[in-house]
Amino acid sequence: MNKFWRVLGSFIISLFAILLSLISNTDLVSGGRTGLKTEKIEKNIEKLKQFSWFEELYENEQHHRSFFVSLKVRKYLESSIRVYRLKRSKREQEKFIHLLEEVAELRIKKK
């Protein structure tokens, strides 16, 4: 019975670590590395370019630079869950467009 509780405790701790990793968007497996994964972002952009609404945003002069420079946009596009939602949800698409507009507005204000 004692072994059962140890195994259960280890399982719960592991599950908690995975959930914490997902929430904080860090990778516990690689020692908490918090840098963005460029390859993953590029793959997700390629997936989204299949959709005309995204292709228009990507080619738009006002927003194109954000896909390469903005940490907010790149972090958003790094998440497979968010990209999945972008592909399926009009509401999520509107939130992403709003994010791009905010980033563009900030860039204009800094000039």
C-alpha atoms as a PDB file:
ATOM      1  CA  MET A   1       0.000   0.000   0.000  1.00  0.00           C
ATOM      2  CA  ASN A   2       2.893   2.361   0.772  1.00  0.00           C
ATOM      3  CA  LYS A   3       4.283   1.904  -2.764  1.00  0.00           C
ATOM      4  CA  PHE A   4       0.885   2.800  -4.203  1.00  0.00           C
ATOM      5  CA  TRP A   5       0.915   6.190  -2.433  1.00  0.00           C
ATOM      6  CA  ARG A   6       4.465   6.940  -3.611  1.00  0.00           C
ATOM      7  CA  VAL A   7       3.547   6.150  -7.211  1.00  0.00           C
ATOM      8  CA  LEU A   8       0.350   8.169  -6.954  1.00  0.00           C
ATOM      9  CA  GLY A   9       2.259  11.094  -5.408  1.00  0.00           C
ATOM     10  CA  SER A  10       4.867  10.995  -8.198  1.00  0.00           C
ATOM     11  CA  PHE A  11       2.107  10.902 -10.795  1.00  0.00           C
ATOM     12  CA  ILE A  12       0.325  13.901  -9.270  1.00  0.00           C
ATOM     13  CA  ILE A  13       3.560  15.895  -9.047  1.00  0.00           C
ATOM     14  CA  SER A  14       4.377  15.088 -12.688  1.00  0.00           C
ATOM     15  CA  LEU A  15       0.891  16.056 -13.797  1.00  0.00           C
ATOM     16  CA  PHE A  16       1.127  19.317 -11.854  1.00  0.00           C
ATOM     17  CA  ALA A  17       4.514  20.085 -13.482  1.00  0.00           C
ATOM     18  CA  ILE A  18       3.056  19.498 -16.948  1.00  0.00           C
ATOM     19  CA  LEU A  19       0.078  21.740 -16.226  1.00  0.00           C
ATOM     20  CA  LEU A  20       2.331  24.434 -14.785  1.00  0.00           C
ATOM     21  CA  SER A  21       4.528  24.195 -17.869  1.00  0.00           C
ATOM     22  CA  LEU A  22       1.526  24.658 -20.158  1.00  0.00           C
ATOM     23  CA  ILE A  23       0.210  27.594 -18.149  1.00  0.00           C
ATOM     24  CA  SER A  24       3.529  29.399 -17.879  1.00  0.00           C
ATOM     25  CA  ASN A  25       4.545  28.478 -21.440  1.00  0.00           C
ATOM     26  CA  THR A  26       7.954  27.213 -20.349  1.00  0.00           C
ATOM     27  CA  ASP A  27       9.516  23.898 -21.188  1.00  0.00           C
ATOM     28  CA  LEU A  28      10.369  21.979 -18.013  1.00  0.00           C
ATOM     29  CA  VAL A  29      11.953  19.165 -20.023  1.00  0.00           C
ATOM     30  CA  SER A  30      14.672  21.455 -21.388  1.00  0.00           C
ATOM     31  CA  GLY A  31      15.472  22.937 -17.989  1.00  0.00           C
ATOM     32  CA  GLY A  32      13.002  25.839 -18.151  1.00  0.00           C
ATOM     33  CA  ARG A  33      14.305  27.303 -21.399  1.00  0.00           C
ATOM     34  CA  THR A  34      12.040  30.236 -22.206  1.00  0.00           C
ATOM     35  CA  GLY A  35      13.331  31.227 -25.659  1.00  0.00           C
ATOM     36  CA  LEU A  36      10.957  31.130 -28.584  1.00  0.00           C
ATOM     37  CA  LYS A  37      11.075  28.147 -30.901  1.00  0.00           C
ATOM     38  CA  THR A  38      11.560  29.729 -34.337  1.00  0.00           C
ATOM     39  CA  GLU A  39      11.060  26.504 -36.291  1.00  0.00           C
ATOM     40  CA  LYS A  40       7.736  25.868 -34.591  1.00  0.00           C
ATOM     41  CA  ILE A  41       6.597  29.429 -35.272  1.00  0.00           C
ATOM     42  CA  GLU A  42       7.535  29.128 -38.954  1.00  0.00           C
ATOM     43  CA  LYS A  43       5.680  25.804 -39.270  1.00  0.00           C
ATOM     44  CA  ASN A  44       2.601  27.315 -37.654  1.00  0.00           C
ATOM     45  CA  ILE A  45       2.759  30.316 -39.988  1.00  0.00           C
ATOM     46  CA  GLU A  46       2.931  27.933 -42.961  1.00  0.00           C
ATOM     47  CA  LYS A  47      -0.132  26.069 -41.650  1.00  0.00           C
ATOM     48  CA  LEU A  48      -2.057  29.319 -41.300  1.00  0.00           C
ATOM     49  CA  LYS A  49      -1.028  30.623 -44.736  1.00  0.00           C
ATOM     50  CA  GLN A  50      -3.408  28.034 -46.191  1.00  0.00           C
ATOM     51  CA  PHE A  51      -6.235  30.323 -45.132  1.00  0.00           C
ATOM     52  CA  SER A  52      -6.986  33.432 -47.182  1.00  0.00           C
ATOM     53  CA  TRP A  53      -7.768  35.618 -44.147  1.00  0.00           C
ATOM     54  CA  PHE A  54      -4.315  34.870 -42.702  1.00  0.00           C
ATOM     55  CA  GLU A  55      -2.511  35.221 -46.029  1.00  0.00           C
ATOM     56  CA  GLU A  56      -4.011  38.709 -46.400  1.00  0.00           C
ATOM     57  CA  LEU A  57      -2.747  39.682 -42.935  1.00  0.00           C
ATOM     58  CA  TYR A  58       0.662  38.170 -43.585  1.00  0.00           C
ATOM     59  CA  GLU A  59       1.097  40.057 -46.856  1.00  0.00           C
ATOM     60  CA  ASN A  60      -0.295  43.310 -45.425  1.00  0.00           C
ATOM     61  CA  GLU A  61       2.502  45.897 -45.185  1.00  0.00           C
ATOM     62  CA  GLN A  62       1.220  47.177 -41.861  1.00  0.00           C
ATOM     63  CA  HIS A  63       1.404  43.723 -40.214  1.00  0.00           C
ATOM     64  CA  HIS A  64       4.061  41.751 -42.093  1.00  0.00           C
ATOM     65  CA  ARG A  65       6.958  42.945 -39.954  1.00  0.00           C
ATOM     66  CA  SER A  66       5.148  41.898 -36.755  1.00  0.00           C
ATOM     67  CA  PHE A  67       5.434  38.248 -37.742  1.00  0.00           C
ATOM     68  CA  PHE A  68       9.229  38.531 -37.498  1.00  0.00           C
ATOM     69  CA  VAL A  69       9.856  41.212 -34.880  1.00  0.00           C
ATOM     70  CA  SER A  70       7.012  41.287 -32.349  1.00  0.00           C
ATOM     71  CA  LEU A  71       7.552  38.977 -29.383  1.00  0.00           C
ATOM     72  CA  LYS A  72       3.832  39.114 -28.595  1.00  0.00           C
ATOM     73  CA  VAL A  73       2.864  37.928 -32.075  1.00  0.00           C
ATOM     74  CA  ARG A  74       5.628  35.321 -32.251  1.00  0.00           C
ATOM     75  CA  LYS A  75       4.784  33.942 -28.809  1.00  0.00           C
ATOM     76  CA  TYR A  76       1.137  33.749 -29.836  1.00  0.00           C
ATOM     77  CA  LEU A  77       2.055  31.842 -33.006  1.00  0.00           C
ATOM     78  CA  GLU A  78       4.375  29.486 -31.120  1.00  0.00           C
ATOM     79  CA  SER A  79       1.402  27.854 -29.394  1.00  0.00           C
ATOM     80  CA  SER A  80      -0.044  24.912 -31.313  1.00  0.00           C
ATOM     81  CA  ILE A  81      -3.259  25.235 -29.312  1.00  0.00           C
ATOM     82  CA  ARG A  82      -3.726  28.877 -30.347  1.00  0.00           C
ATOM     83  CA  VAL A  83      -2.952  28.056 -33.976  1.00  0.00           C
ATOM     84  CA  TYR A  84      -5.490  25.223 -33.863  1.00  0.00           C
ATOM     85  CA  ARG A  85      -8.076  27.665 -32.512  1.00  0.00           C
ATOM     86  CA  LEU A  86      -7.147  30.261 -35.144  1.00  0.00           C
ATOM     87  CA  LYS A  87      -7.852  27.743 -37.875  1.00  0.00           C
ATOM     88  CA  ARG A  88     -11.306  26.950 -36.502  1.00  0.00           C
ATOM     89  CA  SER A  89     -12.669  29.928 -34.590  1.00  0.00           C
ATOM     90  CA  LYS A  90     -13.784  33.234 -36.072  1.00  0.00           C
ATOM     91  CA  ARG A  91     -13.659  34.746 -32.590  1.00  0.00           C
ATOM     92  CA  GLU A  92     -10.034  33.641 -32.123  1.00  0.00           C
ATOM     93  CA  GLN A  93      -9.194  35.104 -35.547  1.00  0.00           C
ATOM     94  CA  GLU A  94     -10.685  38.429 -34.490  1.00  0.00           C
ATOM     95  CA  LYS A  95      -8.608  38.384 -31.283  1.00  0.00           C
ATOM     96  CA  PHE A  96      -5.456  37.715 -33.317  1.00  0.00           C
ATOM     97  CA  ILE A  97      -6.262  40.538 -35.748  1.00  0.00           C
ATOM     98  CA  HIS A  98      -6.800  42.830 -32.758  1.00  0.00           C
ATOM     99  CA  LEU A  99      -3.370  41.807 -31.420  1.00  0.00           C
ATOM    100  CA  LEU A 100      -1.756  42.632 -34.777  1.00  0.00           C
ATOM    101  CA  GLU A 101      -3.479  46.021 -34.836  1.00  0.00           C
ATOM    102  CA  GLU A 102      -2.296  46.793 -31.286  1.00  0.00           C
ATOM    103  CA  VAL A 103       1.293  45.918 -32.223  1.00  0.00           C
ATOM    104  CA  ALA A 104       1.117  48.039 -35.390  1.00  0.00           C
ATOM    105  CA  GLU A 105      -0.326  50.958 -33.417  1.00  0.00           C
ATOM    106  CA  LEU A 106       2.497  50.760 -30.860  1.00  0.00           C
ATOM    107  CA  ARG A 107       5.073  50.667 -33.655  1.00  0.00           C
ATOM    108  CA  ILE A 108       3.559  53.787 -35.221  1.00  0.00           C
ATOM    109  CA  LYS A 109       3.562  55.621 -31.863  1.00  0.00           C
ATOM    110  CA  LYS A 110       7.260  54.840 -31.333  1.00  0.00           C
ATOM    111  CA  LYS A 111       8.245  56.491 -34.630  1.00  0.00           C
END
